[in-house]
PDB file of all heavy atoms in Angstrom:
ATOM      1  N   LEU A   1     123.907 106.026 117.768  1.00  0.00           N
ATOM      2  CA  LEU A   1     123.480 106.524 116.456  1.00  0.00           C
ATOM      3  C   LEU A   1     122.208 105.833 115.981  1.00  0.00           C
ATOM      4  O   LEU A   1     121.266 106.477 115.512  1.00  0.00           O
ATOM      5  CB  LEU A   1     124.608 106.300 115.445  1.00  0.00           C
ATOM      6  CG  LEU A   1     124.333 106.743 113.999  1.00  0.00           C
ATOM      7  CD1 LEU A   1     124.194 108.253 113.909  1.00  0.00           C
ATOM      8  CD2 LEU A   1     125.468 106.267 113.071  1.00  0.00           C
ATOM      9  N   ALA A   2     122.167 104.505 116.102  1.00  0.00           N
ATOM     10  CA  ALA A   2     121.000 103.734 115.645  1.00  0.00           C
ATOM     11  C   ALA A   2     119.772 104.087 116.479  1.00  0.00           C
ATOM     12  O   ALA A   2     118.679 104.317 115.922  1.00  0.00           O
ATOM     13  CB  ALA A   2     121.291 102.239 115.750  1.00  0.00           C
ATOM     14  N   ALA A   3     119.917 104.143 117.804  1.00  0.00           N
ATOM     15  CA  ALA A   3     118.768 104.470 118.661  1.00  0.00           C
ATOM     16  C   ALA A   3     118.288 105.895 118.413  1.00  0.00           C
ATOM     17  O   ALA A   3     117.086 106.168 118.463  1.00  0.00           O
ATOM     18  CB  ALA A   3     119.162 104.284 120.138  1.00  0.00           C
ATOM     19  N   ASN A   4     119.229 106.772 118.139  1.00  0.00           N
ATOM     20  CA  ASN A   4     118.865 108.161 117.822  1.00  0.00           C
ATOM     21  C   ASN A   4     118.023 108.230 116.554  1.00  0.00           C
ATOM     22  O   ASN A   4     116.992 108.912 116.491  1.00  0.00           O
ATOM     23  CB  ASN A   4     120.146 108.980 117.670  1.00  0.00           C
ATOM     24  CG  ASN A   4     119.887 110.466 117.606  1.00  0.00           C
ATOM     25  OD1 ASN A   4     119.561 110.991 116.552  1.00  0.00           O
ATOM     26  ND2 ASN A   4     120.046 111.144 118.727  1.00  0.00           N
ATOM     27  N   TYR A   5     118.451 107.458 115.531  1.00  0.00           N
ATOM     28  CA  TYR A   5     117.710 107.453 114.267  1.00  0.00           C
ATOM     29  C   TYR A   5     116.298 106.883 114.469  1.00  0.00           C
ATOM     30  O   TYR A   5     115.318 107.471 113.970  1.00  0.00           O
ATOM     31  CB  TYR A   5     118.455 106.617 113.227  1.00  0.00           C
ATOM     32  CG  TYR A   5     117.636 106.412 111.958  1.00  0.00           C
ATOM     33  CD1 TYR A   5     117.607 107.390 110.976  1.00  0.00           C
ATOM     34  CD2 TYR A   5     116.847 105.270 111.782  1.00  0.00           C
ATOM     35  CE1 TYR A   5     116.841 107.234 109.828  1.00  0.00           C
ATOM     36  CE2 TYR A   5     116.084 105.111 110.638  1.00  0.00           C
ATOM     37  CZ  TYR A   5     116.073 106.089 109.675  1.00  0.00           C
ATOM     38  OH  TYR A   5     115.296 105.928 108.552  1.00  0.00           O
ATOM     39  N   PHE A   6     116.181 105.765 115.146  1.00  0.00           N
ATOM     40  CA  PHE A   6     114.867 105.140 115.317  1.00  0.00           C
ATOM     41  C   PHE A   6     113.939 105.977 116.204  1.00  0.00           C
ATOM     42  O   PHE A   6     112.707 105.969 116.002  1.00  0.00           O
ATOM     43  CB  PHE A   6     115.016 103.712 115.847  1.00  0.00           C
ATOM     44  CG  PHE A   6     115.498 102.750 114.796  1.00  0.00           C
ATOM     45  CD1 PHE A   6     116.743 102.161 114.891  1.00  0.00           C
ATOM     46  CD2 PHE A   6     114.701 102.436 113.694  1.00  0.00           C
ATOM     47  CE1 PHE A   6     117.212 101.280 113.917  1.00  0.00           C
ATOM     48  CE2 PHE A   6     115.164 101.561 112.717  1.00  0.00           C
ATOM     49  CZ  PHE A   6     116.395 100.980 112.827  1.00  0.00           C
ATOM     50  N   SER A   7     114.513 106.720 117.156  1.00  0.00           N
ATOM     51  CA  SER A   7     113.697 107.644 117.945  1.00  0.00           C
ATOM     52  C   SER A   7     113.194 108.790 117.065  1.00  0.00           C
ATOM     53  O   SER A   7     112.019 109.183 117.158  1.00  0.00           O
ATOM     54  CB  SER A   7     114.509 108.185 119.114  1.00  0.00           C
ATOM     55  OG  SER A   7     114.869 107.154 120.001  1.00  0.00           O
ATOM     56  N   ASP A   8     114.058 109.285 116.209  1.00  0.00           N
ATOM     57  CA  ASP A   8     113.625 110.309 115.257  1.00  0.00           C
ATOM     58  C   ASP A   8     112.529 109.784 114.351  1.00  0.00           C
ATOM     59  O   ASP A   8     111.576 110.502 114.017  1.00  0.00           O
ATOM     60  CB  ASP A   8     114.825 110.747 114.382  1.00  0.00           C
ATOM     61  CG  ASP A   8     115.800 111.661 115.114  1.00  0.00           C
ATOM     62  OD1 ASP A   8     115.436 112.184 116.171  1.00  0.00           O
ATOM     63  OD2 ASP A   8     116.909 111.853 114.590  1.00  0.00           O
ATOM     64  N   GLU A   9     112.664 108.527 113.926  1.00  0.00           N
ATOM     65  CA  GLU A   9     111.671 107.941 113.009  1.00  0.00           C
ATOM     66  C   GLU A   9     110.308 107.822 113.687  1.00  0.00           C
ATOM     67  O   GLU A   9     109.278 108.016 113.040  1.00  0.00           O
ATOM     68  CB  GLU A   9     112.150 106.573 112.541  1.00  0.00           C
ATOM     69  CG  GLU A   9     111.270 105.896 111.504  1.00  0.00           C
ATOM     70  CD  GLU A   9     111.080 106.707 110.224  1.00  0.00           C
ATOM     71  OE1 GLU A   9     111.964 107.544 109.907  1.00  0.00           O
ATOM     72  OE2 GLU A   9     110.067 106.499 109.564  1.00  0.00           O
ATOM     73  N   GLU A  10     110.287 107.543 114.972  1.00  0.00           N
ATOM     74  CA  GLU A  10     108.999 107.486 115.691  1.00  0.00           C
ATOM     75  C   GLU A  10     108.343 108.854 115.699  1.00  0.00           C
ATOM     76  O   GLU A  10     107.119 108.968 115.492  1.00  0.00           O
ATOM     77  CB  GLU A  10     109.252 107.010 117.136  1.00  0.00           C
ATOM     78  CG  GLU A  10     108.051 107.121 118.054  1.00  0.00           C
ATOM     79  CD  GLU A  10     106.836 106.313 117.618  1.00  0.00           C
ATOM     80  OE1 GLU A  10     106.977 105.409 116.757  1.00  0.00           O
ATOM     81  OE2 GLU A  10     105.731 106.588 118.114  1.00  0.00           O
ATOM     82  N   LEU A  11     109.126 109.902 115.899  1.00  0.00           N
ATOM     83  CA  LEU A  11     108.570 111.265 115.863  1.00  0.00           C
ATOM     84  C   LEU A  11     108.100 111.604 114.455  1.00  0.00           C
ATOM     85  O   LEU A  11     107.064 112.271 114.270  1.00  0.00           O
ATOM     86  CB  LEU A  11     109.615 112.264 116.339  1.00  0.00           C
ATOM     87  CG  LEU A  11     110.034 112.150 117.796  1.00  0.00           C
ATOM     88  CD1 LEU A  11     111.147 113.150 118.113  1.00  0.00           C
ATOM     89  CD2 LEU A  11     108.855 112.407 118.731  1.00  0.00           C
ATOM     90  N   ARG A  12     108.837 111.151 113.446  1.00  0.00           N
ATOM     91  CA  ARG A  12     108.419 111.411 112.066  1.00  0.00           C
ATOM     92  C   ARG A  12     107.095 110.723 111.760  1.00  0.00           C
ATOM     93  O   ARG A  12     106.244 111.289 111.066  1.00  0.00           O
ATOM     94  CB  ARG A  12     109.519 110.944 111.085  1.00  0.00           C
ATOM     95  CG  ARG A  12     110.653 111.919 110.928  1.00  0.00           C
ATOM     96  CD  ARG A  12     111.545 111.570 109.757  1.00  0.00           C
ATOM     97  NE  ARG A  12     112.375 110.401 110.026  1.00  0.00           N
ATOM     98  CZ  ARG A  12     113.610 110.459 110.554  1.00  0.00           C
ATOM     99  NH1 ARG A  12     114.128 111.631 110.881  1.00  0.00           N
ATOM    100  NH2 ARG A  12     114.298 109.355 110.753  1.00  0.00           N
ATOM    101  N   GLU A  13     106.904 109.507 112.258  1.00  0.00           N
ATOM    102  CA  GLU A  13     105.671 108.787 111.985  1.00  0.00           C
ATOM    103  C   GLU A  13     104.458 109.501 112.610  1.00  0.00           C
ATOM    104  O   GLU A  13     103.381 109.536 112.009  1.00  0.00           O
ATOM    105  CB  GLU A  13     105.771 107.351 112.520  1.00  0.00           C
ATOM    106  CG  GLU A  13     104.592 106.459 112.139  1.00  0.00           C
ATOM    107  CD  GLU A  13     104.310 106.453 110.655  1.00  0.00           C
ATOM    108  OE1 GLU A  13     105.269 106.433 109.850  1.00  0.00           O
ATOM    109  OE2 GLU A  13     103.118 106.443 110.282  1.00  0.00           O
ATOM    110  N   ILE A  14     104.667 110.090 113.765  1.00  0.00           N
ATOM    111  CA  ILE A  14     103.595 110.867 114.387  1.00  0.00           C
ATOM    112  C   ILE A  14     103.251 112.070 113.505  1.00  0.00           C
ATOM    113  O   ILE A  14     102.079 112.383 113.286  1.00  0.00           O
ATOM    114  CB  ILE A  14     104.012 111.323 115.797  1.00  0.00           C
ATOM    115  CG1 ILE A  14     104.050 110.134 116.759  1.00  0.00           C
ATOM    116  CG2 ILE A  14     103.064 112.405 116.333  1.00  0.00           C
ATOM    117  CD1 ILE A  14     104.561 110.458 118.126  1.00  0.00           C
ATOM    118  N   ARG A  15     104.279 112.719 112.964  1.00  0.00           N
ATOM    119  CA  ARG A  15     104.019 113.876 112.091  1.00  0.00           C
ATOM    120  C   ARG A  15     103.363 113.458 110.787  1.00  0.00           C
ATOM    121  O   ARG A  15     102.496 114.196 110.284  1.00  0.00           O
ATOM    122  CB  ARG A  15     105.352 114.587 111.811  1.00  0.00           C
ATOM    123  CG  ARG A  15     105.934 115.285 113.041  1.00  0.00           C
ATOM    124  CD  ARG A  15     107.191 116.036 112.727  1.00  0.00           C
ATOM    125  NE  ARG A  15     107.798 116.583 113.918  1.00  0.00           N
ATOM    126  CZ  ARG A  15     108.935 117.277 113.946  1.00  0.00           C
ATOM    127  NH1 ARG A  15     109.582 117.487 112.800  1.00  0.00           N
ATOM    128  NH2 ARG A  15     109.415 117.737 115.061  1.00  0.00           N
ATOM    129  N   ARG A  16     103.749 112.314 110.256  1.00  0.00           N
ATOM    130  CA  ARG A  16     103.086 111.832 109.040  1.00  0.00           C
ATOM    131  C   ARG A  16     101.603 111.592 109.286  1.00  0.00           C
ATOM    132  O   ARG A  16     100.759 111.956 108.459  1.00  0.00           O
ATOM    133  CB  ARG A  16     103.763 110.529 108.556  1.00  0.00           C
ATOM    134  CG  ARG A  16     105.176 110.707 108.053  1.00  0.00           C
ATOM    135  CD  ARG A  16     105.728 109.384 107.535  1.00  0.00           C
ATOM    136  NE  ARG A  16     107.181 109.472 107.319  1.00  0.00           N
ATOM    137  CZ  ARG A  16     108.073 108.791 108.027  1.00  0.00           C
ATOM    138  NH1 ARG A  16     107.693 107.960 108.972  1.00  0.00           N
ATOM    139  NH2 ARG A  16     109.372 108.928 107.777  1.00  0.00           N
ATOM    140  N   GLY A  17     101.311 110.992 110.439  1.00  0.00           N
ATOM    141  CA  GLY A  17      99.915 110.754 110.786  1.00  0.00           C
ATOM    142  C   GLY A  17      99.152 112.038 110.957  1.00  0.00           C
ATOM    143  O   GLY A  17      97.980 112.157 110.539  1.00  0.00           O
ATOM    144  N   GLU A  18      99.812 113.038 111.527  1.00  0.00           N
ATOM    145  CA  GLU A  18      99.170 114.353 111.712  1.00  0.00           C
ATOM    146  C   GLU A  18      98.899 115.038 110.363  1.00  0.00           C
ATOM    147  O   GLU A  18      97.837 115.633 110.169  1.00  0.00           O
ATOM    148  CB  GLU A  18     100.059 115.240 112.590  1.00  0.00           C
ATOM    149  CG  GLU A  18      99.654 116.684 112.702  1.00  0.00           C
ATOM    150  CD  GLU A  18      98.246 116.885 113.255  1.00  0.00           C
ATOM    151  OE1 GLU A  18      97.648 115.925 113.773  1.00  0.00           O
ATOM    152  OE2 GLU A  18      97.747 118.032 113.158  1.00  0.00           O
ATOM    153  N   LEU A  19      99.844 114.925 109.441  1.00  0.00           N
ATOM    154  CA  LEU A  19      99.627 115.521 108.120  1.00  0.00           C
ATOM    155  C   LEU A  19      98.478 114.812 107.379  1.00  0.00           C
ATOM    156  O   LEU A  19      97.686 115.494 106.691  1.00  0.00           O
ATOM    157  CB  LEU A  19     100.900 115.421 107.289  1.00  0.00           C
ATOM    158  CG  LEU A  19     102.068 116.322 107.725  1.00  0.00           C
ATOM    159  CD1 LEU A  19     103.303 116.066 106.882  1.00  0.00           C
ATOM    160  CD2 LEU A  19     101.680 117.797 107.639  1.00  0.00           C
ATOM    161  N   ARG A  20      98.359 113.512 107.554  1.00  0.00           N
ATOM    162  CA  ARG A  20      97.242 112.799 106.937  1.00  0.00           C
ATOM    163  C   ARG A  20      95.916 113.241 107.554  1.00  0.00           C
ATOM    164  O   ARG A  20      94.921 113.417 106.857  1.00  0.00           O
ATOM    165  CB  ARG A  20      97.426 111.277 107.102  1.00  0.00           C
ATOM    166  CG  ARG A  20      98.553 110.683 106.266  1.00  0.00           C
ATOM    167  CD  ARG A  20      98.508 109.167 106.260  1.00  0.00           C
ATOM    168  NE  ARG A  20      98.791 108.586 107.569  1.00  0.00           N
ATOM    169  CZ  ARG A  20     100.008 108.213 107.979  1.00  0.00           C
ATOM    170  NH1 ARG A  20     101.061 108.384 107.174  1.00  0.00           N
ATOM    171  NH2 ARG A  20     100.182 107.691 109.163  1.00  0.00           N
ATOM    172  N   ARG A  21      95.920 113.422 108.873  1.00  0.00           N
ATOM    173  CA  ARG A  21      94.709 113.887 109.574  1.00  0.00           C
ATOM    174  C   ARG A  21      94.293 115.270 109.099  1.00  0.00           C
ATOM    175  O   ARG A  21      93.115 115.537 108.821  1.00  0.00           O
ATOM    176  CB  ARG A  21      94.935 113.889 111.087  1.00  0.00           C
ATOM    177  CG  ARG A  21      93.725 114.255 111.929  1.00  0.00           C
ATOM    178  CD  ARG A  21      94.104 114.463 113.378  1.00  0.00           C
ATOM    179  NE  ARG A  21      94.791 115.748 113.533  1.00  0.00           N
ATOM    180  CZ  ARG A  21      94.174 116.915 113.775  1.00  0.00           C
ATOM    181  NH1 ARG A  21      92.856 116.960 113.846  1.00  0.00           N
ATOM    182  NH2 ARG A  21      94.866 118.024 113.914  1.00  0.00           N
ATOM    183  N   GLN A  22      95.275 116.184 108.975  1.00  0.00           N
ATOM    184  CA  GLN A  22      94.986 117.532 108.538  1.00  0.00           C
ATOM    185  C   GLN A  22      94.463 117.556 107.111  1.00  0.00           C
ATOM    186  O   GLN A  22      93.521 118.299 106.789  1.00  0.00           O
ATOM    187  CB  GLN A  22      96.258 118.386 108.648  1.00  0.00           C
ATOM    188  CG  GLN A  22      96.672 118.671 110.079  1.00  0.00           C
ATOM    189  CD  GLN A  22      97.903 119.558 110.162  1.00  0.00           C
ATOM    190  OE1 GLN A  22      98.385 120.057 109.152  1.00  0.00           O
ATOM    191  NE2 GLN A  22      98.425 119.759 111.364  1.00  0.00           N
ATOM    192  N   ALA A  23      95.058 116.715 106.230  1.00  0.00           N
ATOM    193  CA  ALA A  23      94.612 116.671 104.833  1.00  0.00           C
ATOM    194  C   ALA A  23      93.167 116.192 104.747  1.00  0.00           C
ATOM    195  O   ALA A  23      92.360 116.706 103.963  1.00  0.00           O
ATOM    196  CB  ALA A  23      95.526 115.751 104.041  1.00  0.00           C
ATOM    197  N   LYS A  24      92.830 115.209 105.572  1.00  0.00           N
ATOM    198  CA  LYS A  24      91.463 114.675 105.583  1.00  0.00           C
ATOM    199  C   LYS A  24      90.482 115.732 106.048  1.00  0.00           C
ATOM    200  O   LYS A  24      89.386 115.883 105.461  1.00  0.00           O
ATOM    201  CB  LYS A  24      91.399 113.438 106.484  1.00  0.00           C
ATOM    202  CG  LYS A  24      90.077 112.716 106.435  1.00  0.00           C
ATOM    203  CD  LYS A  24      90.116 111.457 107.267  1.00  0.00           C
ATOM    204  CE  LYS A  24      88.800 110.702 107.220  1.00  0.00           C
ATOM    205  NZ  LYS A  24      88.835 109.464 108.035  1.00  0.00           N
ATOM    206  N   LEU A  25      90.826 116.474 107.075  1.00  0.00           N
ATOM    207  CA  LEU A  25      89.941 117.512 107.587  1.00  0.00           C
ATOM    208  C   LEU A  25      89.745 118.643 106.568  1.00  0.00           C
ATOM    209  O   LEU A  25      88.649 119.165 106.408  1.00  0.00           O
ATOM    210  CB  LEU A  25      90.506 118.087 108.896  1.00  0.00           C
ATOM    211  CG  LEU A  25      90.420 117.179 110.135  1.00  0.00           C
ATOM    212  CD1 LEU A  25      91.146 117.820 111.312  1.00  0.00           C
ATOM    213  CD2 LEU A  25      88.972 116.892 110.495  1.00  0.00           C
ATOM    214  N   LYS A  26      90.834 118.963 105.871  1.00  0.00           N
ATOM    215  CA  LYS A  26      90.742 120.027 104.851  1.00  0.00           C
ATOM    216  C   LYS A  26      89.793 119.597 103.721  1.00  0.00           C
ATOM    217  O   LYS A  26      89.023 120.402 103.199  1.00  0.00           O
ATOM    218  CB  LYS A  26      92.122 120.346 104.289  1.00  0.00           C
ATOM    219  CG  LYS A  26      92.993 121.149 105.248  1.00  0.00           C
ATOM    220  CD  LYS A  26      94.351 121.420 104.649  1.00  0.00           C
ATOM    221  CE  LYS A  26      95.225 122.233 105.619  1.00  0.00           C
ATOM    222  NZ  LYS A  26      96.589 122.476 105.063  1.00  0.00           N
ATOM    223  N   GLN A  27      89.873 118.326 103.361  1.00  0.00           N
ATOM    224  CA  GLN A  27      88.985 117.815 102.293  1.00  0.00           C
ATOM    225  C   GLN A  27      87.519 117.897 102.721  1.00  0.00           C
ATOM    226  O   GLN A  27      86.627 118.081 101.896  1.00  0.00           O
ATOM    227  CB  GLN A  27      89.328 116.353 101.968  1.00  0.00           C
ATOM    228  CG  GLN A  27      90.632 116.196 101.192  1.00  0.00           C
ATOM    229  CD  GLN A  27      90.990 114.743 100.952  1.00  0.00           C
ATOM    230  OE1 GLN A  27      90.340 113.828 101.469  1.00  0.00           O
ATOM    231  NE2 GLN A  27      92.011 114.514 100.147  1.00  0.00           N
ATOM    232  N   GLN A  28      87.281 117.784 104.013  1.00  0.00           N
ATOM    233  CA  GLN A  28      85.924 117.838 104.548  1.00  0.00           C
ATOM    234  C   GLN A  28      85.482 119.274 104.846  1.00  0.00           C
ATOM    235  O   GLN A  28      84.371 119.510 105.303  1.00  0.00           O
ATOM    236  CB  GLN A  28      85.821 117.010 105.832  1.00  0.00           C
ATOM    237  CG  GLN A  28      86.087 115.521 105.617  1.00  0.00           C
ATOM    238  CD  GLN A  28      86.178 114.746 106.923  1.00  0.00           C
ATOM    239  OE1 GLN A  28      86.127 115.327 108.008  1.00  0.00           O
ATOM    240  NE2 GLN A  28      86.321 113.421 106.816  1.00  0.00           N
ATOM    241  N   GLY A  29      86.409 120.230 104.575  1.00  0.00           N
ATOM    242  CA  GLY A  29      86.090 121.623 104.791  1.00  0.00           C
ATOM    243  C   GLY A  29      86.088 122.031 106.253  1.00  0.00           C
ATOM    244  O   GLY A  29      85.479 123.045 106.633  1.00  0.00           O
ATOM    245  N   LYS A  30      86.748 121.251 107.100  1.00  0.00           N
ATOM    246  CA  LYS A  30      86.774 121.543 108.542  1.00  0.00           C
ATOM    247  C   LYS A  30      88.021 122.348 108.899  1.00  0.00           C
ATOM    248  O   LYS A  30      89.024 122.350 108.211  1.00  0.00           O
ATOM    249  CB  LYS A  30      86.742 120.233 109.332  1.00  0.00           C
ATOM    250  CG  LYS A  30      85.449 119.435 109.138  1.00  0.00           C
ATOM    251  CD  LYS A  30      85.501 118.150 109.964  1.00  0.00           C
ATOM    252  CE  LYS A  30      84.220 117.351 109.778  1.00  0.00           C
ATOM    253  NZ  LYS A  30      84.265 116.097 110.541  1.00  0.00           N
ATOM    254  N   THR A  31      87.920 123.017 110.048  1.00  0.00           N
ATOM    255  CA  THR A  31      89.058 123.790 110.568  1.00  0.00           C
ATOM    256  C   THR A  31      90.140 122.842 111.053  1.00  0.00           C
ATOM    257  O   THR A  31      89.860 121.843 111.732  1.00  0.00           O
ATOM    258  CB  THR A  31      88.606 124.699 111.727  1.00  0.00           C
ATOM    259  OG1 THR A  31      87.548 125.548 111.267  1.00  0.00           O
ATOM    260  CG2 THR A  31      89.769 125.556 112.222  1.00  0.00           C
ATOM    261  N   VAL A  32      91.374 123.167 110.710  1.00  0.00           N
ATOM    262  CA  VAL A  32      92.512 122.312 111.104  1.00  0.00           C
ATOM    263  C   VAL A  32      93.282 122.973 112.234  1.00  0.00           C
ATOM    264  O   VAL A  32      93.821 124.059 112.093  1.00  0.00           O
ATOM    265  CB  VAL A  32      93.459 122.067 109.894  1.00  0.00           C
ATOM    266  CG1 VAL A  32      94.646 121.239 110.347  1.00  0.00           C
ATOM    267  CG2 VAL A  32      92.708 121.375 108.770  1.00  0.00           C
ATOM    268  N   ASP A  33      93.304 122.301 113.382  1.00  0.00           N
ATOM    269  CA  ASP A  33      94.090 122.765 114.517  1.00  0.00           C
ATOM    270  C   ASP A  33      95.310 121.867 114.688  1.00  0.00           C
ATOM    271  O   ASP A  33      95.253 120.664 114.386  1.00  0.00           O
ATOM    272  CB  ASP A  33      93.253 122.722 115.811  1.00  0.00           C
ATOM    273  CG  ASP A  33      92.107 123.718 115.781  1.00  0.00           C
ATOM    274  OD1 ASP A  33      92.307 124.832 115.269  1.00  0.00           O
ATOM    275  OD2 ASP A  33      91.014 123.340 116.234  1.00  0.00           O
ATOM    276  N   LYS A  34      96.389 122.464 115.188  1.00  0.00           N
ATOM    277  CA  LYS A  34      97.611 121.682 115.390  1.00  0.00           C
ATOM    278  C   LYS A  34      97.371 120.654 116.497  1.00  0.00           C
ATOM    279  O   LYS A  34      96.777 120.950 117.527  1.00  0.00           O
ATOM    280  CB  LYS A  34      98.765 122.600 115.764  1.00  0.00           C
ATOM    281  CG  LYS A  34     100.139 122.034 115.444  1.00  0.00           C
ATOM    282  CD  LYS A  34     101.211 123.109 115.513  1.00  0.00           C
ATOM    283  CE  LYS A  34     102.541 122.569 115.018  1.00  0.00           C
ATOM    284  NZ  LYS A  34     103.599 123.602 115.088  1.00  0.00           N
ATOM    285  N   HIS A  35      97.853 119.446 116.244  1.00  0.00           N
ATOM    286  CA  HIS A  35      97.598 118.322 117.160  1.00  0.00           C
ATOM    287  C   HIS A  35      98.937 117.718 117.594  1.00  0.00           C
ATOM    288  O   HIS A  35      99.842 117.552 116.799  1.00  0.00           O
ATOM    289  CB  HIS A  35      96.762 117.277 116.429  1.00  0.00           C
ATOM    290  CG  HIS A  35      96.555 116.019 117.230  1.00  0.00           C
ATOM    291  ND1 HIS A  35      95.706 115.945 118.304  1.00  0.00           N
ATOM    292  CD2 HIS A  35      97.093 114.780 117.082  1.00  0.00           C
ATOM    293  CE1 HIS A  35      95.735 114.726 118.805  1.00  0.00           C
ATOM    294  NE2 HIS A  35      96.557 114.011 118.076  1.00  0.00           N
ATOM    295  N   TYR A  36      99.025 117.390 118.883  1.00  0.00           N
ATOM    296  CA  TYR A  36     100.240 116.785 119.424  1.00  0.00           C
ATOM    297  C   TYR A  36      99.914 115.441 120.058  1.00  0.00           C
ATOM    298  O   TYR A  36      98.795 115.216 120.526  1.00  0.00           O
ATOM    299  CB  TYR A  36     100.908 117.692 120.456  1.00  0.00           C
ATOM    300  CG  TYR A  36     101.489 118.966 119.887  1.00  0.00           C
ATOM    301  CD1 TYR A  36     100.774 120.167 119.953  1.00  0.00           C
ATOM    302  CD2 TYR A  36     102.734 118.976 119.310  1.00  0.00           C
ATOM    303  CE1 TYR A  36     101.300 121.343 119.440  1.00  0.00           C
ATOM    304  CE2 TYR A  36     103.286 120.139 118.797  1.00  0.00           C
ATOM    305  CZ  TYR A  36     102.560 121.316 118.874  1.00  0.00           C
ATOM    306  OH  TYR A  36     103.085 122.477 118.357  1.00  0.00           O
ATOM    307  N   GLU A  37     100.899 114.543 120.100  1.00  0.00           N
ATOM    308  CA  GLU A  37     100.759 113.241 120.745  1.00  0.00           C
ATOM    309  C   GLU A  37     101.975 112.982 121.622  1.00  0.00           C
ATOM    310  O   GLU A  37     103.053 113.526 121.396  1.00  0.00           O
ATOM    311  CB  GLU A  37     100.646 112.119 119.714  1.00  0.00           C
ATOM    312  CG  GLU A  37      99.397 112.119 118.888  1.00  0.00           C
ATOM    313  CD  GLU A  37      99.377 110.952 117.907  1.00  0.00           C
ATOM    314  OE1 GLU A  37      99.994 109.914 118.226  1.00  0.00           O
ATOM    315  OE2 GLU A  37      98.759 111.102 116.837  1.00  0.00           O
ATOM    316  N   VAL A  38     101.794 112.104 122.614  1.00  0.00           N
ATOM    317  CA  VAL A  38     102.917 111.635 123.405  1.00  0.00           C
ATOM    318  C   VAL A  38     103.449 110.372 122.724  1.00  0.00           C
ATOM    319  O   VAL A  38     102.709 109.391 122.604  1.00  0.00           O
ATOM    320  CB  VAL A  38     102.484 111.283 124.851  1.00  0.00           C
ATOM    321  CG1 VAL A  38     103.686 110.763 125.644  1.00  0.00           C
ATOM    322  CG2 VAL A  38     101.900 112.504 125.538  1.00  0.00           C
ATOM    323  N   PRO A  39     104.688 110.372 122.234  1.00  0.00           N
ATOM    324  CA  PRO A  39     105.245 109.169 121.579  1.00  0.00           C
ATOM    325  C   PRO A  39     105.251 107.990 122.543  1.00  0.00           C
ATOM    326  O   PRO A  39     105.541 108.160 123.729  1.00  0.00           O
ATOM    327  CB  PRO A  39     106.673 109.599 121.214  1.00  0.00           C
ATOM    328  CG  PRO A  39     106.656 111.096 121.240  1.00  0.00           C
ATOM    329  CD  PRO A  39     105.667 111.490 122.273  1.00  0.00           C
ATOM    330  N   GLN A  40     104.934 106.800 122.034  1.00  0.00           N
ATOM    331  CA  GLN A  40     104.791 105.644 122.906  1.00  0.00           C
ATOM    332  C   GLN A  40     105.670 104.461 122.512  1.00  0.00           C
ATOM    333  O   GLN A  40     105.801 103.496 123.278  1.00  0.00           O
ATOM    334  CB  GLN A  40     103.322 105.173 122.912  1.00  0.00           C
ATOM    335  CG  GLN A  40     102.322 106.204 123.421  1.00  0.00           C
ATOM    336  CD  GLN A  40     102.501 106.513 124.900  1.00  0.00           C
ATOM    337  OE1 GLN A  40     103.214 105.820 125.620  1.00  0.00           O
ATOM    338  NE2 GLN A  40     101.853 107.594 125.354  1.00  0.00           N
ATOM    339  N   ASN A  41     106.248 104.470 121.332  1.00  0.00           N
ATOM    340  CA  ASN A  41     106.970 103.293 120.854  1.00  0.00           C
ATOM    341  C   ASN A  41     108.481 103.399 121.138  1.00  0.00           C
ATOM    342  O   ASN A  41     109.020 104.477 121.368  1.00  0.00           O
ATOM    343  CB  ASN A  41     106.745 103.117 119.345  1.00  0.00           C
ATOM    344  CG  ASN A  41     105.298 102.819 119.036  1.00  0.00           C
ATOM    345  OD1 ASN A  41     104.603 102.152 119.815  1.00  0.00           O
ATOM    346  ND2 ASN A  41     104.814 103.320 117.912  1.00  0.00           N
TER     347      ASN A  41
END
């Protein structure tokens, strides 16, 4: 249960970073494409 939660949290952190990246690009008036990463932690 604990390992499952912390693995989910790593995926959530990647998504949070992606949402921050998209928000920044939108503020700059740039096109936002969906971005994926390979989880490493």
